[in-house]
Amino acid sequence: MPGPVFLRGESVTLHPQGEDDVQFLQRLINHPDVWPSLTSVEPLTEADKREWIEDTDGDSVDLLVCADGERVGTMGLNRFNETWGVAELGYMIDPEAQGNGYATDAARRLVRYGFEDRRLHKVAARVFETNPASQRVLEKIGFRREGVMREQAYVRGERLDVLRYGLLAEEFEA
């Protein structure tokens, strides 16, 4: 059972990640349909994930995404730069829960938190060119494609472009 609710979207709730979530998060990040869409290429053990949860240094907000009380993914604002007022949005949704609008709802709510509660000026995101579903999530909440990092990534034997997205506080419509 997830911990207390930190943020509430229309169809999801976002919770702080804790010890009880380690197995779910390890299974999610090691899922063969998930890890290739990340910058991770090595499997994570429970101990690795536990250490990652415990080693928060204040430069990220990492939350568990739940729907109907069940864990469906994780989402965070990372790489906070307080001087510039920017952070980067990242997320993973369990493949079995994809297509239900959970990522869009959670992203919209977390971005609103970033702008309203953390006084961010901009939220950025990166996505592989081969991930149109993630591109749609960002575009639905107002992110604009800002550029292409050509052949930036190497995934499963293939060079991929990484697309850079950004959303300014004044462009965001909650």
Protein backbone atom coordinates (compact mmCIF):
# COMPACT_ATOMS: atom_id res chain seq x y z
CA MET A 1 0.00 0.00 0.00
CA PRO A 2 1.44 3.39 -0.97
CA GLY A 3 2.25 6.00 1.67
CA PRO A 4 0.35 9.25 2.21
CA VAL A 5 -0.95 11.30 -0.72
CA PHE A 6 1.27 14.29 -1.56
CA LEU A 7 -0.52 15.53 -4.70
CA ARG A 8 -3.90 14.64 -6.18
CA GLY A 9 -4.70 14.66 -9.91
CA GLU A 10 -8.01 13.89 -11.56
CA SER A 11 -7.40 10.13 -11.91
CA VAL A 12 -4.14 9.60 -10.00
CA THR A 13 -2.53 10.34 -6.68
CA LEU A 14 1.16 11.02 -6.16
CA HIS A 15 2.92 9.68 -3.06
CA PRO A 16 6.42 9.93 -1.58
CA GLN A 17 8.41 6.82 -2.42
CA GLY A 18 9.27 4.56 0.48
CA GLU A 19 10.65 1.20 1.51
CA ASP A 20 7.38 -0.56 0.61
CA ASP A 21 7.71 0.65 -2.99
CA VAL A 22 11.21 -0.73 -3.66
CA GLN A 23 10.12 -4.02 -5.25
CA PHE A 24 7.59 -2.30 -7.53
CA LEU A 25 10.13 0.33 -8.62
CA GLN A 26 12.85 -2.25 -9.21
CA ARG A 27 10.46 -4.37 -11.29
CA LEU A 28 9.36 -1.29 -13.26
CA ILE A 29 12.82 0.05 -14.08
CA ASN A 30 14.03 -3.43 -15.10
CA HIS A 31 10.98 -4.16 -17.29
CA PRO A 32 12.16 -4.98 -20.83
CA ASP A 33 9.69 -2.46 -22.30
CA VAL A 34 10.74 0.32 -19.88
CA TRP A 35 14.51 0.42 -19.40
CA PRO A 36 15.32 0.96 -23.10
CA SER A 37 13.33 4.22 -22.97
CA LEU A 38 15.55 5.47 -20.14
CA THR A 39 19.21 6.33 -20.02
CA SER A 40 19.81 3.21 -17.92
CA VAL A 41 21.35 0.11 -19.47
CA GLU A 42 22.25 -1.90 -16.38
CA PRO A 43 19.77 -3.85 -14.27
CA LEU A 44 18.99 -2.43 -10.84
CA THR A 45 18.87 -4.63 -7.77
CA GLU A 46 16.57 -4.04 -4.82
CA ALA A 47 19.57 -2.72 -2.89
CA ASP A 48 20.35 -0.24 -5.71
CA LYS A 49 16.79 1.05 -5.75
CA ARG A 50 16.62 1.20 -1.94
CA GLU A 51 19.85 3.23 -1.86
CA TRP A 52 18.48 5.56 -4.57
CA ILE A 53 15.32 6.21 -2.53
CA GLU A 54 17.28 6.82 0.67
CA ASP A 55 19.92 9.01 -1.00
CA THR A 56 17.81 12.08 -1.67
CA ASP A 57 19.92 15.21 -1.74
CA GLY A 58 17.16 17.76 -2.26
CA ASP A 59 17.69 18.24 -6.00
CA SER A 60 14.68 16.12 -6.95
CA VAL A 61 11.08 15.35 -6.05
CA ASP A 62 10.38 11.69 -6.83
CA LEU A 63 6.83 10.44 -6.43
CA LEU A 64 4.95 7.21 -6.87
CA VAL A 65 2.01 7.42 -9.30
CA CYS A 66 -1.08 5.49 -8.15
CA ALA A 67 -4.50 4.89 -9.68
CA ASP A 68 -7.31 3.39 -7.62
CA GLY A 69 -4.81 2.79 -4.81
CA GLU A 70 -2.49 0.70 -7.03
CA ARG A 71 1.04 1.62 -8.05
CA VAL A 72 1.21 2.39 -11.77
CA GLY A 73 4.47 4.31 -12.14
CA THR A 74 6.86 6.92 -10.91
CA MET A 75 7.38 10.56 -11.79
CA GLY A 76 9.74 13.27 -10.68
CA LEU A 77 11.10 16.74 -11.05
CA ASN A 78 14.88 16.44 -11.16
CA ARG A 79 17.97 18.55 -11.65
CA PHE A 80 16.52 21.55 -9.84
CA ASN A 81 18.44 24.72 -10.55
CA GLU A 82 17.13 27.20 -7.99
CA THR A 83 19.14 30.06 -9.49
CA TRP A 84 17.64 29.64 -12.95
CA GLY A 85 14.25 28.39 -11.74
CA VAL A 86 14.28 25.24 -13.88
CA ALA A 87 13.86 21.50 -13.35
CA GLU A 88 13.47 18.43 -15.55
CA LEU A 89 10.41 16.20 -15.65
CA GLY A 90 10.89 12.43 -15.88
CA TYR A 91 8.49 9.51 -15.61
CA MET A 92 7.91 5.79 -16.08
CA ILE A 93 4.51 4.13 -16.26
CA ASP A 94 4.06 0.37 -15.99
CA PRO A 95 3.39 -0.97 -19.52
CA GLU A 96 0.27 -2.71 -18.20
CA ALA A 97 -1.12 0.68 -17.08
CA GLN A 98 -0.18 2.70 -20.16
CA GLY A 99 -2.88 4.18 -22.38
CA ASN A 100 -5.12 5.24 -19.49
CA GLY A 101 -4.03 8.87 -19.24
CA TYR A 102 -2.16 8.36 -15.97
CA ALA A 103 1.10 9.90 -17.22
CA THR A 104 -0.68 12.97 -18.58
CA ASP A 105 -2.69 13.51 -15.40
CA ALA A 106 0.30 12.99 -13.11
CA ALA A 107 2.59 15.17 -15.25
CA ARG A 108 0.02 17.99 -15.36
CA ARG A 109 -0.30 17.89 -11.56
CA LEU A 110 3.44 17.65 -10.87
CA VAL A 111 4.24 20.48 -13.29
CA ARG A 112 1.58 22.64 -11.60
CA TYR A 113 3.29 21.90 -8.27
CA GLY A 114 6.62 22.95 -9.80
CA PHE A 115 5.27 26.25 -11.02
CA GLU A 116 2.97 27.14 -8.13
CA ASP A 117 4.76 25.70 -5.10
CA ARG A 118 8.41 25.62 -6.15
CA ARG A 119 8.26 28.88 -8.14
CA LEU A 120 9.88 27.34 -11.18
CA HIS A 121 10.05 29.40 -14.36
CA LYS A 122 10.54 26.44 -16.70
CA VAL A 123 10.19 22.67 -16.74
CA ALA A 124 12.16 20.73 -19.36
CA ALA A 125 11.92 17.13 -20.53
CA ARG A 126 13.81 14.79 -22.84
CA VAL A 127 12.35 11.92 -24.84
CA PHE A 128 13.68 9.51 -27.45
CA GLU A 129 12.44 10.02 -31.00
CA THR A 130 11.09 6.44 -30.88
CA ASN A 131 8.69 7.23 -28.02
CA PRO A 132 5.69 9.05 -29.57
CA ALA A 133 3.46 8.22 -26.58
CA SER A 134 5.73 10.19 -24.26
CA GLN A 135 5.90 13.03 -26.76
CA ARG A 136 2.07 13.18 -26.75
CA VAL A 137 2.01 13.30 -22.93
CA LEU A 138 4.24 16.36 -22.97
CA GLU A 139 2.41 18.08 -25.81
CA LYS A 140 -1.02 17.53 -24.18
CA ILE A 141 0.03 19.60 -21.18
CA GLY A 142 1.60 22.36 -23.25
CA PHE A 143 5.26 21.44 -23.66
CA ARG A 144 6.87 22.65 -26.87
CA ARG A 145 9.57 20.82 -28.75
CA GLU A 146 12.66 23.01 -28.46
CA GLY A 147 15.29 21.01 -30.25
CA VAL A 148 16.85 17.75 -31.27
CA MET A 149 20.05 16.28 -29.90
CA ARG A 150 21.00 14.29 -32.98
CA GLU A 151 22.05 10.68 -32.39
CA GLN A 152 22.57 11.49 -28.70
CA ALA A 153 21.50 8.08 -27.41
CA TYR A 154 22.56 4.52 -28.12
CA VAL A 155 19.74 2.05 -27.47
CA ARG A 156 19.72 -1.62 -28.42
CA GLY A 157 22.34 -1.19 -31.11
CA GLU A 158 20.81 1.92 -32.65
CA ARG A 159 21.69 5.62 -32.49
CA LEU A 160 18.63 7.70 -31.57
CA ASP A 161 17.81 11.37 -31.55
CA VAL A 162 16.80 12.80 -28.19
CA LEU A 163 14.06 15.42 -28.40
CA ARG A 164 14.17 18.33 -25.97
CA TYR A 165 10.89 19.80 -24.72
CA GLY A 166 10.20 22.81 -22.52
CA LEU A 167 7.28 24.54 -20.83
CA LEU A 168 7.36 28.03 -19.33
CA ALA A 169 5.23 28.91 -16.31
CA GLU A 170 3.34 31.57 -18.28
CA GLU A 171 2.42 28.99 -20.95
CA PHE A 172 1.03 26.44 -18.52
CA GLU A 173 -2.72 26.07 -18.18
CA ALA A 174 -3.64 24.03 -15.12
